[in-house]
Amino acid sequence: MTQRETAYVGIGSNLEDPREQVCTAFAELDCLQETRLVAKSSLYVSAPLGPAGQPDYINAVACLSTSLEPLVLLDELQSLEERHRRERRQHWGPRTLDLDILLYADQSIDLERLQIPHPHMHTRSFVLKPLLEIAPEIRIPGRGRAADWASQCDDLQTKRLND
């Protein structure tokens, strides 16, 4: 039997009914091969980081139990994005669905296609707030407690949405 690992996935959308995109992504993550959704955060709204003039984002974090290797999981997440008509035209531009592996077990990975922990997660409140909601004691390999970073990066006015 293959070893199961815990992975945290950041979810974001600001096009084509972003709330529905994120909620659908939770269900689809639970249907990935050799993977099960263990926990999901509330939904959060935040201003976009990228080019001006795009709508606010809806963000969340999912906790998965998976036996998929990190690159296989990345491939599965990118396939999900494609099914949601994700287009990669502009860096940090608007998107129907964005799925990022934030953490995978306690691994540090530095490949061209994949960096774990996600290289910017410790500076983004729209990642840290939902992550800490479902994993309050989580540590970021090489950086320490996520809660310590969250107190330093609340500049994007990330707000939890009421269900």
N, C-alpha and C. Protein backbone atom coordinates (compact mmCIF):
# COMPACT_ATOMS: atom_id res chain seq x y z
N MET A 1 0.85 -1.19 0.00
CA MET A 1 0.00 0.00 0.00
C MET A 1 0.88 1.25 0.00
N THR A 2 0.51 2.22 -0.80
CA THR A 2 1.27 3.45 -0.94
C THR A 2 1.05 4.35 0.26
N GLN A 3 2.10 5.02 0.68
CA GLN A 3 2.06 5.96 1.81
C GLN A 3 1.13 7.13 1.49
N ARG A 4 0.27 7.47 2.42
CA ARG A 4 -0.60 8.65 2.25
C ARG A 4 0.08 9.83 2.93
N GLU A 5 -0.02 10.96 2.28
CA GLU A 5 0.56 12.20 2.80
C GLU A 5 -0.52 13.26 2.88
N THR A 6 -0.27 14.27 3.69
CA THR A 6 -1.17 15.41 3.79
C THR A 6 -0.64 16.52 2.90
N ALA A 7 -1.52 17.04 2.07
CA ALA A 7 -1.18 18.17 1.20
C ALA A 7 -2.21 19.27 1.41
N TYR A 8 -1.74 20.50 1.35
CA TYR A 8 -2.63 21.65 1.43
C TYR A 8 -2.62 22.35 0.08
N VAL A 9 -3.82 22.65 -0.42
CA VAL A 9 -3.97 23.25 -1.74
C VAL A 9 -4.70 24.58 -1.60
N GLY A 10 -4.09 25.63 -2.14
CA GLY A 10 -4.74 26.93 -2.19
C GLY A 10 -5.65 26.98 -3.41
N ILE A 11 -6.82 27.58 -3.23
CA ILE A 11 -7.82 27.66 -4.29
C ILE A 11 -8.20 29.13 -4.47
N GLY A 12 -8.26 29.58 -5.71
CA GLY A 12 -8.67 30.95 -5.96
C GLY A 12 -9.41 31.07 -7.27
N SER A 13 -10.30 32.06 -7.34
CA SER A 13 -11.04 32.34 -8.57
C SER A 13 -11.55 33.77 -8.52
N ASN A 14 -11.54 34.43 -9.70
CA ASN A 14 -12.19 35.74 -9.77
C ASN A 14 -12.98 35.93 -11.07
N LEU A 15 -13.28 34.82 -11.75
CA LEU A 15 -14.08 34.88 -12.97
C LEU A 15 -15.18 33.82 -12.95
N GLU A 16 -16.27 34.11 -13.68
CA GLU A 16 -17.34 33.14 -13.91
C GLU A 16 -17.89 32.53 -12.61
N ASP A 17 -18.45 33.37 -11.76
CA ASP A 17 -19.02 32.96 -10.48
C ASP A 17 -17.95 32.33 -9.59
N PRO A 18 -17.02 33.15 -9.09
CA PRO A 18 -15.89 32.64 -8.30
C PRO A 18 -16.29 31.77 -7.10
N ARG A 19 -17.35 32.15 -6.41
CA ARG A 19 -17.78 31.35 -5.26
C ARG A 19 -18.12 29.92 -5.69
N GLU A 20 -18.86 29.81 -6.79
CA GLU A 20 -19.23 28.49 -7.30
C GLU A 20 -18.00 27.73 -7.81
N GLN A 21 -17.07 28.43 -8.44
CA GLN A 21 -15.84 27.79 -8.92
C GLN A 21 -15.10 27.14 -7.75
N VAL A 22 -14.96 27.86 -6.65
CA VAL A 22 -14.22 27.34 -5.49
C VAL A 22 -14.98 26.18 -4.85
N CYS A 23 -16.28 26.32 -4.68
CA CYS A 23 -17.07 25.24 -4.07
C CYS A 23 -17.04 23.98 -4.93
N THR A 24 -17.11 24.15 -6.24
CA THR A 24 -17.02 23.00 -7.14
C THR A 24 -15.64 22.36 -7.05
N ALA A 25 -14.61 23.18 -6.93
CA ALA A 25 -13.24 22.65 -6.81
C ALA A 25 -13.10 21.76 -5.57
N PHE A 26 -13.71 22.16 -4.45
CA PHE A 26 -13.65 21.31 -3.25
C PHE A 26 -14.18 19.91 -3.57
N ALA A 27 -15.34 19.85 -4.21
CA ALA A 27 -15.95 18.55 -4.54
C ALA A 27 -15.06 17.77 -5.50
N GLU A 28 -14.50 18.45 -6.48
CA GLU A 28 -13.66 17.77 -7.46
C GLU A 28 -12.35 17.27 -6.85
N LEU A 29 -11.80 18.01 -5.90
CA LEU A 29 -10.58 17.55 -5.21
C LEU A 29 -10.84 16.24 -4.47
N ASP A 30 -12.04 16.12 -3.92
CA ASP A 30 -12.40 14.90 -3.19
C ASP A 30 -12.56 13.71 -4.12
N CYS A 31 -12.68 13.96 -5.42
CA CYS A 31 -12.84 12.88 -6.41
C CYS A 31 -11.56 12.52 -7.14
N LEU A 32 -10.46 13.19 -6.83
CA LEU A 32 -9.19 12.85 -7.49
C LEU A 32 -8.78 11.44 -7.10
N GLN A 33 -8.13 10.75 -8.02
CA GLN A 33 -7.65 9.39 -7.74
C GLN A 33 -6.72 9.40 -6.52
N GLU A 34 -6.84 8.38 -5.70
CA GLU A 34 -5.97 8.17 -4.54
C GLU A 34 -5.90 9.37 -3.61
N THR A 35 -6.97 10.15 -3.57
CA THR A 35 -6.99 11.40 -2.80
C THR A 35 -8.35 11.57 -2.16
N ARG A 36 -8.32 12.13 -0.96
CA ARG A 36 -9.59 12.45 -0.31
C ARG A 36 -9.48 13.79 0.38
N LEU A 37 -10.56 14.56 0.31
CA LEU A 37 -10.64 15.86 0.97
C LEU A 37 -10.85 15.63 2.46
N VAL A 38 -9.93 16.14 3.27
CA VAL A 38 -9.99 15.94 4.72
C VAL A 38 -10.63 17.14 5.41
N ALA A 39 -10.31 18.34 4.92
CA ALA A 39 -10.85 19.56 5.52
C ALA A 39 -10.86 20.66 4.46
N LYS A 40 -11.79 21.58 4.65
CA LYS A 40 -11.85 22.74 3.76
C LYS A 40 -12.12 23.98 4.59
N SER A 41 -11.49 25.07 4.19
CA SER A 41 -11.68 26.32 4.90
C SER A 41 -12.97 27.00 4.46
N SER A 42 -13.29 28.05 5.16
CA SER A 42 -14.33 28.96 4.70
C SER A 42 -13.83 29.65 3.44
N LEU A 43 -14.71 30.40 2.82
CA LEU A 43 -14.32 31.20 1.67
C LEU A 43 -13.92 32.59 2.15
N TYR A 44 -12.93 33.15 1.46
CA TYR A 44 -12.41 34.47 1.80
C TYR A 44 -12.41 35.33 0.54
N VAL A 45 -12.59 36.62 0.69
CA VAL A 45 -12.50 37.55 -0.43
C VAL A 45 -11.26 38.41 -0.23
N SER A 46 -10.56 38.67 -1.34
CA SER A 46 -9.36 39.50 -1.26
C SER A 46 -9.18 40.27 -2.57
N ALA A 47 -8.49 41.38 -2.47
CA ALA A 47 -8.17 42.17 -3.66
C ALA A 47 -7.14 41.42 -4.49
N PRO A 48 -7.17 41.58 -5.80
CA PRO A 48 -6.20 40.90 -6.66
C PRO A 48 -4.79 41.45 -6.46
N LEU A 49 -3.79 40.58 -6.60
CA LEU A 49 -2.40 41.00 -6.53
C LEU A 49 -1.92 41.55 -7.87
N GLY A 50 -2.45 41.06 -8.94
CA GLY A 50 -1.93 41.34 -10.27
C GLY A 50 -2.43 42.65 -10.85
N PRO A 51 -2.58 42.65 -12.16
CA PRO A 51 -2.95 43.87 -12.88
C PRO A 51 -4.24 44.50 -12.36
N ALA A 52 -4.28 45.82 -12.42
CA ALA A 52 -5.45 46.56 -11.94
C ALA A 52 -6.66 46.26 -12.83
N GLY A 53 -7.83 46.51 -12.26
CA GLY A 53 -9.06 46.41 -13.03
C GLY A 53 -9.71 45.04 -13.03
N GLN A 54 -9.12 44.06 -12.34
CA GLN A 54 -9.75 42.75 -12.29
C GLN A 54 -10.59 42.63 -11.02
N PRO A 55 -11.58 41.74 -11.03
CA PRO A 55 -12.44 41.59 -9.86
C PRO A 55 -11.69 40.99 -8.67
N ASP A 56 -12.29 41.17 -7.48
CA ASP A 56 -11.75 40.54 -6.27
C ASP A 56 -11.75 39.03 -6.43
N TYR A 57 -10.91 38.38 -5.64
CA TYR A 57 -10.80 36.92 -5.65
C TYR A 57 -11.61 36.31 -4.52
N ILE A 58 -12.08 35.12 -4.76
CA ILE A 58 -12.58 34.24 -3.70
C ILE A 58 -11.48 33.20 -3.51
N ASN A 59 -11.04 33.03 -2.26
CA ASN A 59 -9.95 32.11 -1.92
C ASN A 59 -10.38 31.14 -0.84
N ALA A 60 -9.69 30.00 -0.80
CA ALA A 60 -9.91 28.99 0.23
C ALA A 60 -8.69 28.07 0.24
N VAL A 61 -8.66 27.18 1.22
CA VAL A 61 -7.61 26.16 1.29
C VAL A 61 -8.27 24.82 1.57
N ALA A 62 -7.78 23.79 0.87
CA ALA A 62 -8.23 22.42 1.08
C ALA A 62 -7.09 21.60 1.68
N CYS A 63 -7.43 20.72 2.60
CA CYS A 63 -6.47 19.76 3.13
C CYS A 63 -6.82 18.41 2.52
N LEU A 64 -5.83 17.80 1.87
CA LEU A 64 -6.02 16.51 1.21
C LEU A 64 -5.18 15.44 1.86
N SER A 65 -5.69 14.24 1.87
CA SER A 65 -4.91 13.05 2.17
C SER A 65 -4.72 12.34 0.83
N THR A 66 -3.48 12.14 0.41
CA THR A 66 -3.24 11.62 -0.92
C THR A 66 -2.06 10.66 -0.95
N SER A 67 -2.12 9.73 -1.86
CA SER A 67 -0.96 8.88 -2.12
C SER A 67 -0.33 9.25 -3.46
N LEU A 68 -0.82 10.31 -4.08
CA LEU A 68 -0.20 10.80 -5.31
C LEU A 68 1.12 11.49 -4.97
N GLU A 69 2.12 11.25 -5.79
CA GLU A 69 3.38 11.97 -5.65
C GLU A 69 3.14 13.44 -6.00
N PRO A 70 3.97 14.36 -5.49
CA PRO A 70 3.72 15.79 -5.72
C PRO A 70 3.55 16.20 -7.18
N LEU A 71 4.38 15.71 -8.09
CA LEU A 71 4.23 16.10 -9.49
C LEU A 71 2.97 15.51 -10.13
N VAL A 72 2.58 14.34 -9.70
CA VAL A 72 1.33 13.74 -10.20
C VAL A 72 0.15 14.55 -9.68
N LEU A 73 0.21 14.94 -8.41
CA LEU A 73 -0.85 15.78 -7.86
C LEU A 73 -0.92 17.10 -8.62
N LEU A 74 0.23 17.70 -8.92
CA LEU A 74 0.24 18.93 -9.70
C LEU A 74 -0.43 18.73 -11.06
N ASP A 75 -0.12 17.63 -11.73
CA ASP A 75 -0.75 17.35 -13.02
C ASP A 75 -2.27 17.24 -12.88
N GLU A 76 -2.72 16.58 -11.83
CA GLU A 76 -4.17 16.44 -11.60
C GLU A 76 -4.81 17.80 -11.34
N LEU A 77 -4.14 18.65 -10.57
CA LEU A 77 -4.69 19.98 -10.29
C LEU A 77 -4.74 20.83 -11.56
N GLN A 78 -3.72 20.73 -12.39
CA GLN A 78 -3.74 21.50 -13.64
C GLN A 78 -4.81 20.99 -14.60
N SER A 79 -5.08 19.70 -14.57
CA SER A 79 -6.19 19.16 -15.38
C SER A 79 -7.53 19.72 -14.90
N LEU A 80 -7.68 19.83 -13.58
CA LEU A 80 -8.90 20.44 -13.04
C LEU A 80 -9.03 21.88 -13.50
N GLU A 81 -7.93 22.63 -13.43
CA GLU A 81 -7.96 24.02 -13.89
C GLU A 81 -8.40 24.09 -15.35
N GLU A 82 -7.87 23.21 -16.17
CA GLU A 82 -8.23 23.20 -17.60
C GLU A 82 -9.72 22.91 -17.78
N ARG A 83 -10.27 21.99 -16.98
CA ARG A 83 -11.70 21.69 -17.09
C ARG A 83 -12.56 22.90 -16.71
N HIS A 84 -11.97 23.80 -15.91
CA HIS A 84 -12.65 25.04 -15.54
C HIS A 84 -12.31 26.17 -16.50
N ARG A 85 -11.73 25.83 -17.65
CA ARG A 85 -11.38 26.79 -18.70
C ARG A 85 -10.35 27.82 -18.25
N ARG A 86 -9.41 27.39 -17.42
CA ARG A 86 -8.32 28.27 -16.99
C ARG A 86 -7.45 28.63 -18.18
N GLU A 87 -7.20 29.92 -18.36
CA GLU A 87 -6.32 30.40 -19.41
C GLU A 87 -5.14 31.11 -18.77
N ARG A 88 -3.95 30.81 -19.24
CA ARG A 88 -2.72 31.41 -18.68
C ARG A 88 -2.18 32.45 -19.65
N ARG A 89 -2.85 33.58 -19.71
CA ARG A 89 -2.45 34.64 -20.63
C ARG A 89 -1.56 35.69 -19.98
N GLN A 90 -1.80 35.97 -18.71
CA GLN A 90 -1.14 37.08 -18.05
C GLN A 90 -0.76 36.65 -16.63
N HIS A 91 0.52 36.89 -16.26
CA HIS A 91 0.97 36.55 -14.91
C HIS A 91 0.13 37.31 -13.89
N TRP A 92 -0.42 36.56 -12.95
CA TRP A 92 -1.29 37.10 -11.90
C TRP A 92 -2.54 37.77 -12.46
N GLY A 93 -2.92 37.37 -13.66
CA GLY A 93 -4.13 37.91 -14.26
C GLY A 93 -5.36 37.19 -13.76
N PRO A 94 -6.53 37.62 -14.22
CA PRO A 94 -7.78 36.99 -13.79
C PRO A 94 -7.84 35.53 -14.23
N ARG A 95 -8.58 34.72 -13.46
CA ARG A 95 -8.68 33.29 -13.79
C ARG A 95 -9.96 32.68 -13.24
N THR A 96 -10.41 31.67 -13.94
CA THR A 96 -11.60 30.94 -13.48
C THR A 96 -11.26 30.09 -12.27
N LEU A 97 -10.08 29.47 -12.28
CA LEU A 97 -9.68 28.62 -11.16
C LEU A 97 -8.17 28.53 -11.09
N ASP A 98 -7.65 28.72 -9.90
CA ASP A 98 -6.22 28.60 -9.64
C ASP A 98 -6.06 27.62 -8.48
N LEU A 99 -5.30 26.56 -8.69
CA LEU A 99 -5.03 25.56 -7.66
C LEU A 99 -3.53 25.47 -7.46
N ASP A 100 -3.06 25.76 -6.25
CA ASP A 100 -1.63 25.72 -5.93
C ASP A 100 -1.37 24.77 -4.78
N ILE A 101 -0.40 23.89 -4.97
CA ILE A 101 0.04 23.07 -3.83
C ILE A 101 0.85 23.99 -2.92
N LEU A 102 0.36 24.18 -1.72
CA LEU A 102 1.04 25.03 -0.74
C LEU A 102 2.07 24.23 0.04
N LEU A 103 1.64 23.08 0.54
CA LEU A 103 2.47 22.21 1.36
C LEU A 103 2.19 20.77 0.99
N TYR A 104 3.21 19.94 1.05
CA TYR A 104 3.05 18.51 0.82
C TYR A 104 3.89 17.82 1.89
N ALA A 105 3.19 17.23 2.87
CA ALA A 105 3.85 16.63 4.05
C ALA A 105 4.81 17.69 4.61
N ASP A 106 6.02 17.29 4.94
CA ASP A 106 7.00 18.28 5.41
C ASP A 106 8.10 18.47 4.37
N GLN A 107 7.76 18.19 3.13
CA GLN A 107 8.75 18.22 2.06
C GLN A 107 9.08 19.63 1.60
N SER A 108 10.31 19.79 1.15
CA SER A 108 10.76 20.98 0.43
C SER A 108 11.15 20.50 -0.96
N ILE A 109 10.54 21.09 -1.98
CA ILE A 109 10.78 20.70 -3.36
C ILE A 109 11.09 21.96 -4.15
N ASP A 110 12.15 21.90 -4.95
CA ASP A 110 12.51 23.06 -5.78
C ASP A 110 12.80 22.58 -7.20
N LEU A 111 11.74 22.50 -7.98
CA LEU A 111 11.82 22.10 -9.38
C LEU A 111 11.31 23.25 -10.24
N GLU A 112 11.59 23.20 -11.51
CA GLU A 112 11.11 24.26 -12.40
C GLU A 112 9.58 24.34 -12.36
N ARG A 113 8.91 23.20 -12.35
CA ARG A 113 7.45 23.15 -12.37
C ARG A 113 6.79 23.29 -11.02
N LEU A 114 7.53 23.05 -9.96
CA LEU A 114 6.88 22.96 -8.65
C LEU A 114 7.83 23.36 -7.53
N GLN A 115 7.39 24.31 -6.73
CA GLN A 115 8.13 24.68 -5.52
C GLN A 115 7.21 24.47 -4.32
N ILE A 116 7.70 23.68 -3.39
CA ILE A 116 6.97 23.42 -2.14
C ILE A 116 7.98 23.59 -1.00
N PRO A 117 7.62 24.38 0.04
CA PRO A 117 6.36 25.12 0.17
C PRO A 117 6.24 26.17 -0.94
N HIS A 118 4.98 26.54 -1.21
CA HIS A 118 4.74 27.56 -2.21
C HIS A 118 5.58 28.78 -1.84
N PRO A 119 6.36 29.31 -2.77
CA PRO A 119 7.36 30.32 -2.43
C PRO A 119 6.82 31.64 -1.88
N HIS A 120 5.55 31.96 -2.11
CA HIS A 120 5.02 33.24 -1.63
C HIS A 120 3.96 33.07 -0.54
N MET A 121 3.67 31.85 -0.15
CA MET A 121 2.55 31.64 0.76
C MET A 121 2.70 32.37 2.08
N HIS A 122 3.92 32.52 2.57
CA HIS A 122 4.13 33.14 3.88
C HIS A 122 3.90 34.65 3.86
N THR A 123 3.69 35.24 2.67
CA THR A 123 3.47 36.69 2.58
C THR A 123 2.04 37.03 2.17
N ARG A 124 1.19 36.03 2.07
CA ARG A 124 -0.16 36.27 1.54
C ARG A 124 -1.25 35.91 2.55
N SER A 125 -1.94 36.93 3.00
CA SER A 125 -3.00 36.68 3.98
C SER A 125 -4.13 35.85 3.40
N PHE A 126 -4.37 35.94 2.08
CA PHE A 126 -5.45 35.16 1.47
C PHE A 126 -5.11 33.68 1.41
N VAL A 127 -3.87 33.32 1.66
CA VAL A 127 -3.46 31.92 1.82
C VAL A 127 -3.42 31.56 3.30
N LEU A 128 -2.79 32.40 4.09
CA LEU A 128 -2.57 32.06 5.50
C LEU A 128 -3.84 32.03 6.34
N LYS A 129 -4.75 32.96 6.11
CA LYS A 129 -5.99 32.96 6.92
C LYS A 129 -6.79 31.68 6.74
N PRO A 130 -7.09 31.26 5.51
CA PRO A 130 -7.82 29.99 5.38
C PRO A 130 -7.00 28.78 5.81
N LEU A 131 -5.70 28.79 5.58
CA LEU A 131 -4.85 27.69 6.02
C LEU A 131 -4.89 27.55 7.53
N LEU A 132 -4.74 28.65 8.24
CA LEU A 132 -4.74 28.61 9.70
C LEU A 132 -6.10 28.24 10.27
N GLU A 133 -7.16 28.53 9.54
CA GLU A 133 -8.50 28.13 9.98
C GLU A 133 -8.59 26.61 10.11
N ILE A 134 -7.99 25.87 9.16
CA ILE A 134 -8.11 24.41 9.20
C ILE A 134 -6.89 23.72 9.80
N ALA A 135 -5.78 24.46 9.98
CA ALA A 135 -4.56 23.88 10.55
C ALA A 135 -3.85 24.95 11.38
N PRO A 136 -4.41 25.28 12.56
CA PRO A 136 -3.90 26.41 13.34
C PRO A 136 -2.44 26.30 13.80
N GLU A 137 -1.93 25.10 13.90
CA GLU A 137 -0.55 24.92 14.37
C GLU A 137 0.44 24.62 13.25
N ILE A 138 0.02 24.76 12.01
CA ILE A 138 0.85 24.36 10.87
C ILE A 138 2.14 25.17 10.81
N ARG A 139 3.19 24.48 10.39
CA ARG A 139 4.49 25.10 10.19
C ARG A 139 4.84 25.04 8.70
N ILE A 140 5.53 26.04 8.24
CA ILE A 140 5.99 26.10 6.86
C ILE A 140 7.46 25.69 6.87
N PRO A 141 7.81 24.58 6.21
CA PRO A 141 9.21 24.14 6.22
C PRO A 141 10.17 25.26 5.81
N GLY A 142 11.19 25.47 6.63
CA GLY A 142 12.18 26.50 6.36
C GLY A 142 11.77 27.89 6.80
N ARG A 143 10.52 28.05 7.27
CA ARG A 143 10.03 29.39 7.66
C ARG A 143 9.46 29.44 9.07
N GLY A 144 9.00 28.32 9.59
CA GLY A 144 8.44 28.31 10.94
C GLY A 144 6.93 28.35 10.94
N ARG A 145 6.38 28.81 12.04
CA ARG A 145 4.93 28.81 12.25
C ARG A 145 4.22 29.74 11.28
N ALA A 146 3.20 29.22 10.62
CA ALA A 146 2.41 30.04 9.69
C ALA A 146 1.73 31.19 10.43
N ALA A 147 1.32 30.96 11.68
CA ALA A 147 0.65 32.00 12.46
C ALA A 147 1.56 33.21 12.67
N ASP A 148 2.86 32.97 12.82
CA ASP A 148 3.79 34.10 12.99
C ASP A 148 3.86 34.94 11.72
N TRP A 149 3.79 34.31 10.57
CA TRP A 149 3.81 35.03 9.30
C TRP A 149 2.50 35.76 9.06
N ALA A 150 1.40 35.15 9.45
CA ALA A 150 0.09 35.75 9.21
C ALA A 150 -0.04 37.10 9.90
N SER A 151 0.56 37.23 11.08
CA SER A 151 0.45 38.50 11.81
C SER A 151 1.22 39.63 11.12
N GLN A 152 2.08 39.28 10.17
CA GLN A 152 2.90 40.29 9.49
C GLN A 152 2.38 40.66 8.10
N CYS A 153 1.34 40.00 7.61
CA CYS A 153 0.98 40.23 6.20
C CYS A 153 -0.51 40.48 5.98
N ASP A 154 -1.14 41.18 6.86
CA ASP A 154 -2.58 41.42 6.71
C ASP A 154 -2.86 42.70 5.93
N ASP A 155 -2.08 42.94 4.89
CA ASP A 155 -2.22 44.19 4.16
C ASP A 155 -3.22 44.11 3.01
N LEU A 156 -3.71 42.96 2.65
CA LEU A 156 -4.63 42.85 1.52
C LEU A 156 -6.09 42.84 1.91
N GLN A 157 -6.36 43.07 3.18
CA GLN A 157 -7.73 43.13 3.66
C GLN A 157 -8.53 41.89 3.28
N THR A 158 -7.95 40.74 3.55
CA THR A 158 -8.62 39.48 3.30
C THR A 158 -9.73 39.29 4.33
N LYS A 159 -10.95 39.05 3.84
CA LYS A 159 -12.10 38.92 4.74
C LYS A 159 -12.79 37.60 4.53
N ARG A 160 -13.14 36.97 5.64
CA ARG A 160 -13.90 35.73 5.59
C ARG A 160 -15.34 36.03 5.20
N LEU A 161 -15.87 35.24 4.29
CA LEU A 161 -17.26 35.39 3.87
C LEU A 161 -18.17 34.60 4.79
N ASN A 162 -19.35 35.11 5.01
CA ASN A 162 -20.34 34.35 5.78
C ASN A 162 -20.93 33.30 4.86
N ASP A 163 -21.14 32.11 5.40
CA ASP A 163 -21.69 31.00 4.60
C ASP A 163 -23.10 31.24 4.18
